[in-house]
Amino acid sequence: QILGQKLTAAERTSLYNNGNGLTYGALSAGLKTSLVSYWNLNEASGNAIDAHGSNDLTDTNTVTAA
């Protein structure tokens, strides 16, 4: 079973998005191929919900400042 794929230069550039990244909704179908999980990490608190699969991230010690 292949767990990942090598991204092309164009895919890396697209994902990087000038340092802004991409939300799950902005990913192309090609970038979602073989994707296991995707977290937008935009929750203010609580668990991070997996936008693609079923691998939610459990919040065990909330960060209050960066």
PDB file of N, CA and C in Angstrom:
ATOM      1  N   GLN A   1       0.839  -1.181   0.000  1.00  0.00           N
ATOM      2  CA  GLN A   1       0.000   0.000   0.000  1.00  0.00           C
ATOM      3  C   GLN A   1       0.878   1.237   0.000  1.00  0.00           C
ATOM      4  N   ILE A   2       0.624   2.158  -0.875  1.00  0.00           N
ATOM      5  CA  ILE A   2       1.371   3.414  -0.945  1.00  0.00           C
ATOM      6  C   ILE A   2       0.711   4.408   0.002  1.00  0.00           C
ATOM      7  N   LEU A   3       1.476   4.940   0.924  1.00  0.00           N
ATOM      8  CA  LEU A   3       0.932   5.870   1.911  1.00  0.00           C
ATOM      9  C   LEU A   3       1.090   7.319   1.499  1.00  0.00           C
ATOM     10  N   GLY A   4       1.835   7.593   0.483  1.00  0.00           N
ATOM     11  CA  GLY A   4       2.028   8.971   0.063  1.00  0.00           C
ATOM     12  C   GLY A   4       2.485   9.023  -1.373  1.00  0.00           C
ATOM     13  N   GLN A   5       2.596  10.213  -1.859  1.00  0.00           N
ATOM     14  CA  GLN A   5       3.082  10.381  -3.215  1.00  0.00           C
ATOM     15  C   GLN A   5       4.017  11.572  -3.233  1.00  0.00           C
ATOM     16  N   LYS A   6       4.935  11.566  -4.165  1.00  0.00           N
ATOM     17  CA  LYS A   6       5.846  12.684  -4.328  1.00  0.00           C
ATOM     18  C   LYS A   6       5.095  13.808  -5.033  1.00  0.00           C
ATOM     19  N   LEU A   7       5.149  14.996  -4.473  1.00  0.00           N
ATOM     20  CA  LEU A   7       4.482  16.142  -5.082  1.00  0.00           C
ATOM     21  C   LEU A   7       5.342  16.726  -6.192  1.00  0.00           C
ATOM     22  N   THR A   8       4.698  17.169  -7.251  1.00  0.00           N
ATOM     23  CA  THR A   8       5.412  17.840  -8.333  1.00  0.00           C
ATOM     24  C   THR A   8       5.774  19.248  -7.881  1.00  0.00           C
ATOM     25  N   ALA A   9       6.661  19.901  -8.614  1.00  0.00           N
ATOM     26  CA  ALA A   9       7.042  21.279  -8.305  1.00  0.00           C
ATOM     27  C   ALA A   9       5.815  22.194  -8.347  1.00  0.00           C
ATOM     28  N   ALA A  10       4.937  21.978  -9.317  1.00  0.00           N
ATOM     29  CA  ALA A  10       3.726  22.799  -9.435  1.00  0.00           C
ATOM     30  C   ALA A  10       2.801  22.589  -8.237  1.00  0.00           C
ATOM     31  N   GLU A  11       2.679  21.333  -7.757  1.00  0.00           N
ATOM     32  CA  GLU A  11       1.840  21.059  -6.588  1.00  0.00           C
ATOM     33  C   GLU A  11       2.415  21.705  -5.333  1.00  0.00           C
ATOM     34  N   ARG A  12       3.739  21.645  -5.163  1.00  0.00           N
ATOM     35  CA  ARG A  12       4.372  22.295  -4.005  1.00  0.00           C
ATOM     36  C   ARG A  12       4.144  23.801  -4.040  1.00  0.00           C
ATOM     37  N   THR A  13       4.288  24.403  -5.212  1.00  0.00           N
ATOM     38  CA  THR A  13       4.068  25.840  -5.355  1.00  0.00           C
ATOM     39  C   THR A  13       2.621  26.197  -5.023  1.00  0.00           C
ATOM     40  N   SER A  14       1.685  25.391  -5.506  1.00  0.00           N
ATOM     41  CA  SER A  14       0.267  25.621  -5.245  1.00  0.00           C
ATOM     42  C   SER A  14      -0.037  25.526  -3.758  1.00  0.00           C
ATOM     43  N   LEU A  15       0.478  24.488  -3.097  1.00  0.00           N
ATOM     44  CA  LEU A  15       0.229  24.315  -1.668  1.00  0.00           C
ATOM     45  C   LEU A  15       0.852  25.431  -0.838  1.00  0.00           C
ATOM     46  N   TYR A  16       2.044  25.866  -1.223  1.00  0.00           N
ATOM     47  CA  TYR A  16       2.735  26.922  -0.482  1.00  0.00           C
ATOM     48  C   TYR A  16       1.961  28.235  -0.567  1.00  0.00           C
ATOM     49  N   ASN A  17       1.394  28.541  -1.725  1.00  0.00           N
ATOM     50  CA  ASN A  17       0.525  29.706  -1.916  1.00  0.00           C
ATOM     51  C   ASN A  17       1.138  30.987  -1.345  1.00  0.00           C
ATOM     52  N   ASN A  18       2.378  31.265  -1.684  1.00  0.00           N
ATOM     53  CA  ASN A  18       3.094  32.453  -1.212  1.00  0.00           C
ATOM     54  C   ASN A  18       3.119  32.553   0.310  1.00  0.00           C
ATOM     55  N   GLY A  19       3.197  31.419   0.986  1.00  0.00           N
ATOM     56  CA  GLY A  19       3.279  31.401   2.442  1.00  0.00           C
ATOM     57  C   GLY A  19       1.938  31.363   3.140  1.00  0.00           C
ATOM     58  N   ASN A  20       0.834  31.423   2.388  1.00  0.00           N
ATOM     59  CA  ASN A  20      -0.497  31.439   2.993  1.00  0.00           C
ATOM     60  C   ASN A  20      -1.123  30.059   3.113  1.00  0.00           C
ATOM     61  N   GLY A  21      -0.551  29.054   2.468  1.00  0.00           N
ATOM     62  CA  GLY A  21      -1.137  27.725   2.479  1.00  0.00           C
ATOM     63  C   GLY A  21      -2.480  27.708   1.766  1.00  0.00           C
ATOM     64  N   LEU A  22      -3.140  26.561   1.784  1.00  0.00           N
ATOM     65  CA  LEU A  22      -4.460  26.422   1.170  1.00  0.00           C
ATOM     66  C   LEU A  22      -5.398  25.737   2.142  1.00  0.00           C
ATOM     67  N   THR A  23      -6.640  26.147   2.151  1.00  0.00           N
ATOM     68  CA  THR A  23      -7.646  25.439   2.929  1.00  0.00           C
ATOM     69  C   THR A  23      -8.024  24.172   2.172  1.00  0.00           C
ATOM     70  N   TYR A  24      -8.659  23.251   2.851  1.00  0.00           N
ATOM     71  CA  TYR A  24      -9.065  22.000   2.211  1.00  0.00           C
ATOM     72  C   TYR A  24      -9.946  22.271   0.996  1.00  0.00           C
ATOM     73  N   GLY A  25     -10.868  23.207   1.107  1.00  0.00           N
ATOM     74  CA  GLY A  25     -11.779  23.513   0.004  1.00  0.00           C
ATOM     75  C   GLY A  25     -11.079  24.039  -1.230  1.00  0.00           C
ATOM     76  N   ALA A  26      -9.880  24.586  -1.065  1.00  0.00           N
ATOM     77  CA  ALA A  26      -9.139  25.139  -2.200  1.00  0.00           C
ATOM     78  C   ALA A  26      -8.220  24.120  -2.870  1.00  0.00           C
ATOM     79  N   LEU A  27      -8.104  22.914  -2.305  1.00  0.00           N
ATOM     80  CA  LEU A  27      -7.252  21.888  -2.898  1.00  0.00           C
ATOM     81  C   LEU A  27      -7.878  21.345  -4.172  1.00  0.00           C
ATOM     82  N   SER A  28      -7.050  21.125  -5.175  1.00  0.00           N
ATOM     83  CA  SER A  28      -7.538  20.515  -6.417  1.00  0.00           C
ATOM     84  C   SER A  28      -7.768  19.025  -6.191  1.00  0.00           C
ATOM     85  N   ALA A  29      -8.496  18.406  -7.082  1.00  0.00           N
ATOM     86  CA  ALA A  29      -8.754  16.964  -6.988  1.00  0.00           C
ATOM     87  C   ALA A  29      -7.441  16.188  -6.998  1.00  0.00           C
ATOM     88  N   GLY A  30      -6.468  16.645  -7.768  1.00  0.00           N
ATOM     89  CA  GLY A  30      -5.179  15.968  -7.825  1.00  0.00           C
ATOM     90  C   GLY A  30      -4.444  15.987  -6.496  1.00  0.00           C
ATOM     91  N   LEU A  31      -4.552  17.100  -5.763  1.00  0.00           N
ATOM     92  CA  LEU A  31      -3.891  17.186  -4.461  1.00  0.00           C
ATOM     93  C   LEU A  31      -4.602  16.334  -3.410  1.00  0.00           C
ATOM     94  N   LYS A  32      -5.868  16.017  -3.644  1.00  0.00           N
ATOM     95  CA  LYS A  32      -6.616  15.183  -2.696  1.00  0.00           C
ATOM     96  C   LYS A  32      -6.402  13.691  -2.944  1.00  0.00           C
ATOM     97  N   THR A  33      -5.783  13.338  -4.087  1.00  0.00           N
ATOM     98  CA  THR A  33      -5.509  11.942  -4.402  1.00  0.00           C
ATOM     99  C   THR A  33      -4.528  11.384  -3.384  1.00  0.00           C
ATOM    100  N   SER A  34      -4.876  10.277  -2.779  1.00  0.00           N
ATOM    101  CA  SER A  34      -4.055   9.596  -1.767  1.00  0.00           C
ATOM    102  C   SER A  34      -3.939  10.376  -0.463  1.00  0.00           C
ATOM    103  N   LEU A  35      -4.689  11.447  -0.321  1.00  0.00           N
ATOM    104  CA  LEU A  35      -4.658  12.225   0.922  1.00  0.00           C
ATOM    105  C   LEU A  35      -5.315  11.418   2.034  1.00  0.00           C
ATOM    106  N   VAL A  36      -4.670  11.355   3.182  1.00  0.00           N
ATOM    107  CA  VAL A  36      -5.203  10.603   4.319  1.00  0.00           C
ATOM    108  C   VAL A  36      -5.971  11.530   5.244  1.00  0.00           C
ATOM    109  N   SER A  37      -5.398  12.675   5.572  1.00  0.00           N
ATOM    110  CA  SER A  37      -6.035  13.617   6.494  1.00  0.00           C
ATOM    111  C   SER A  37      -5.658  15.043   6.119  1.00  0.00           C
ATOM    112  N   TYR A  38      -6.502  16.000   6.507  1.00  0.00           N
ATOM    113  CA  TYR A  38      -6.200  17.411   6.295  1.00  0.00           C
ATOM    114  C   TYR A  38      -6.864  18.209   7.405  1.00  0.00           C
ATOM    115  N   TRP A  39      -6.072  18.982   8.117  1.00  0.00           N
ATOM    116  CA  TRP A  39      -6.604  19.824   9.188  1.00  0.00           C
ATOM    117  C   TRP A  39      -6.396  21.282   8.816  1.00  0.00           C
ATOM    118  N   ASN A  40      -7.466  22.062   8.794  1.00  0.00           N
ATOM    119  CA  ASN A  40      -7.345  23.492   8.525  1.00  0.00           C
ATOM    120  C   ASN A  40      -6.694  24.217   9.702  1.00  0.00           C
ATOM    121  N   LEU A  41      -6.798  23.641  10.915  1.00  0.00           N
ATOM    122  CA  LEU A  41      -6.223  24.200  12.142  1.00  0.00           C
ATOM    123  C   LEU A  41      -6.713  25.617  12.402  1.00  0.00           C
ATOM    124  N   ASN A  42      -7.984  25.846  12.149  1.00  0.00           N
ATOM    125  CA  ASN A  42      -8.559  27.173  12.382  1.00  0.00           C
ATOM    126  C   ASN A  42      -9.554  27.180  13.536  1.00  0.00           C
ATOM    127  N   GLU A  43      -9.567  26.110  14.323  1.00  0.00           N
ATOM    128  CA  GLU A  43     -10.465  26.056  15.474  1.00  0.00           C
ATOM    129  C   GLU A  43      -9.902  26.946  16.580  1.00  0.00           C
ATOM    130  N   ALA A  44     -10.769  27.707  17.238  1.00  0.00           N
ATOM    131  CA  ALA A  44     -10.330  28.567  18.332  1.00  0.00           C
ATOM    132  C   ALA A  44      -9.991  27.759  19.574  1.00  0.00           C
ATOM    133  N   SER A  45     -10.632  26.616  19.744  1.00  0.00           N
ATOM    134  CA  SER A  45     -10.351  25.746  20.877  1.00  0.00           C
ATOM    135  C   SER A  45     -10.924  24.370  20.578  1.00  0.00           C
ATOM    136  N   GLY A  46     -10.572  23.405  21.401  1.00  0.00           N
ATOM    137  CA  GLY A  46     -11.098  22.055  21.232  1.00  0.00           C
ATOM    138  C   GLY A  46     -10.324  21.259  20.209  1.00  0.00           C
ATOM    139  N   ASN A  47     -10.903  20.179  19.756  1.00  0.00           N
ATOM    140  CA  ASN A  47     -10.244  19.276  18.825  1.00  0.00           C
ATOM    141  C   ASN A  47     -10.184  19.854  17.419  1.00  0.00           C
ATOM    142  N   ALA A  48      -9.115  19.531  16.698  1.00  0.00           N
ATOM    143  CA  ALA A  48      -8.986  19.928  15.294  1.00  0.00           C
ATOM    144  C   ALA A  48      -9.680  18.852  14.458  1.00  0.00           C
ATOM    145  N   ILE A  49     -10.651  19.258  13.682  1.00  0.00           N
ATOM    146  CA  ILE A  49     -11.472  18.336  12.910  1.00  0.00           C
ATOM    147  C   ILE A  49     -10.808  18.041  11.568  1.00  0.00           C
ATOM    148  N   ASP A  50     -10.745  16.769  11.217  1.00  0.00           N
ATOM    149  CA  ASP A  50     -10.169  16.329   9.952  1.00  0.00           C
ATOM    150  C   ASP A  50     -11.158  16.652   8.833  1.00  0.00           C
ATOM    151  N   ALA A  51     -10.761  17.515   7.907  1.00  0.00           N
ATOM    152  CA  ALA A  51     -11.639  17.934   6.811  1.00  0.00           C
ATOM    153  C   ALA A  51     -11.759  16.865   5.731  1.00  0.00           C
ATOM    154  N   HIS A  52     -10.896  15.855   5.753  1.00  0.00           N
ATOM    155  CA  HIS A  52     -10.884  14.864   4.676  1.00  0.00           C
ATOM    156  C   HIS A  52     -11.241  13.462   5.155  1.00  0.00           C
ATOM    157  N   GLY A  53     -10.629  13.032   6.215  1.00  0.00           N
ATOM    158  CA  GLY A  53     -10.824  11.670   6.706  1.00  0.00           C
ATOM    159  C   GLY A  53     -11.510  11.665   8.057  1.00  0.00           C
ATOM    160  N   SER A  54     -11.055  10.789   8.921  1.00  0.00           N
ATOM    161  CA  SER A  54     -11.672  10.685  10.247  1.00  0.00           C
ATOM    162  C   SER A  54     -10.616  10.687  11.349  1.00  0.00           C
ATOM    163  N   ASN A  55      -9.539  11.423  11.136  1.00  0.00           N
ATOM    164  CA  ASN A  55      -8.438  11.473  12.090  1.00  0.00           C
ATOM    165  C   ASN A  55      -8.393  12.820  12.797  1.00  0.00           C
ATOM    166  N   ASP A  56      -9.372  13.087  13.661  1.00  0.00           N
ATOM    167  CA  ASP A  56      -9.394  14.348  14.390  1.00  0.00           C
ATOM    168  C   ASP A  56      -8.213  14.415  15.346  1.00  0.00           C
ATOM    169  N   LEU A  57      -7.710  15.624  15.594  1.00  0.00           N
ATOM    170  CA  LEU A  57      -6.611  15.834  16.521  1.00  0.00           C
ATOM    171  C   LEU A  57      -7.192  16.228  17.870  1.00  0.00           C
ATOM    172  N   THR A  58      -6.835  15.506  18.908  1.00  0.00           N
ATOM    173  CA  THR A  58      -7.352  15.771  20.240  1.00  0.00           C
ATOM    174  C   THR A  58      -6.540  16.854  20.920  1.00  0.00           C
ATOM    175  N   ASP A  59      -7.225  17.869  21.415  1.00  0.00           N
ATOM    176  CA  ASP A  59      -6.589  18.969  22.129  1.00  0.00           C
ATOM    177  C   ASP A  59      -6.306  18.507  23.563  1.00  0.00           C
ATOM    178  N   THR A  60      -5.033  18.364  23.910  1.00  0.00           N
ATOM    179  CA  THR A  60      -4.697  17.913  25.254  1.00  0.00           C
ATOM    180  C   THR A  60      -4.131  19.016  26.124  1.00  0.00           C
ATOM    181  N   ASN A  61      -3.705  20.131  25.540  1.00  0.00           N
ATOM    182  CA  ASN A  61      -3.145  21.227  26.320  1.00  0.00           C
ATOM    183  C   ASN A  61      -3.199  22.473  25.447  1.00  0.00           C
ATOM    184  N   THR A  62      -4.286  23.191  25.473  1.00  0.00           N
ATOM    185  CA  THR A  62      -4.528  24.313  24.588  1.00  0.00           C
ATOM    186  C   THR A  62      -3.444  25.370  24.660  1.00  0.00           C
ATOM    187  N   VAL A  63      -2.973  25.799  23.489  1.00  0.00           N
ATOM    188  CA  VAL A  63      -2.040  26.919  23.390  1.00  0.00           C
ATOM    189  C   VAL A  63      -2.861  28.187  23.475  1.00  0.00           C
ATOM    190  N   THR A  64      -2.486  29.086  24.367  1.00  0.00           N
ATOM    191  CA  THR A  64      -3.256  30.315  24.538  1.00  0.00           C
ATOM    192  C   THR A  64      -2.605  31.519  23.885  1.00  0.00           C
ATOM    193  N   ALA A  65      -1.340  31.411  23.499  1.00  0.00           N
ATOM    194  CA  ALA A  65      -0.659  32.528  22.840  1.00  0.00           C
ATOM    195  C   ALA A  65       0.501  31.976  22.013  1.00  0.00           C
ATOM    196  N   ALA A  66       0.829  32.699  20.961  1.00  0.00           N
ATOM    197  CA  ALA A  66       1.952  32.270  20.124  1.00  0.00           C
ATOM    198  C   ALA A  66       2.994  33.366  20.055  1.00  0.00           C
TER     199      ALA A  66
END
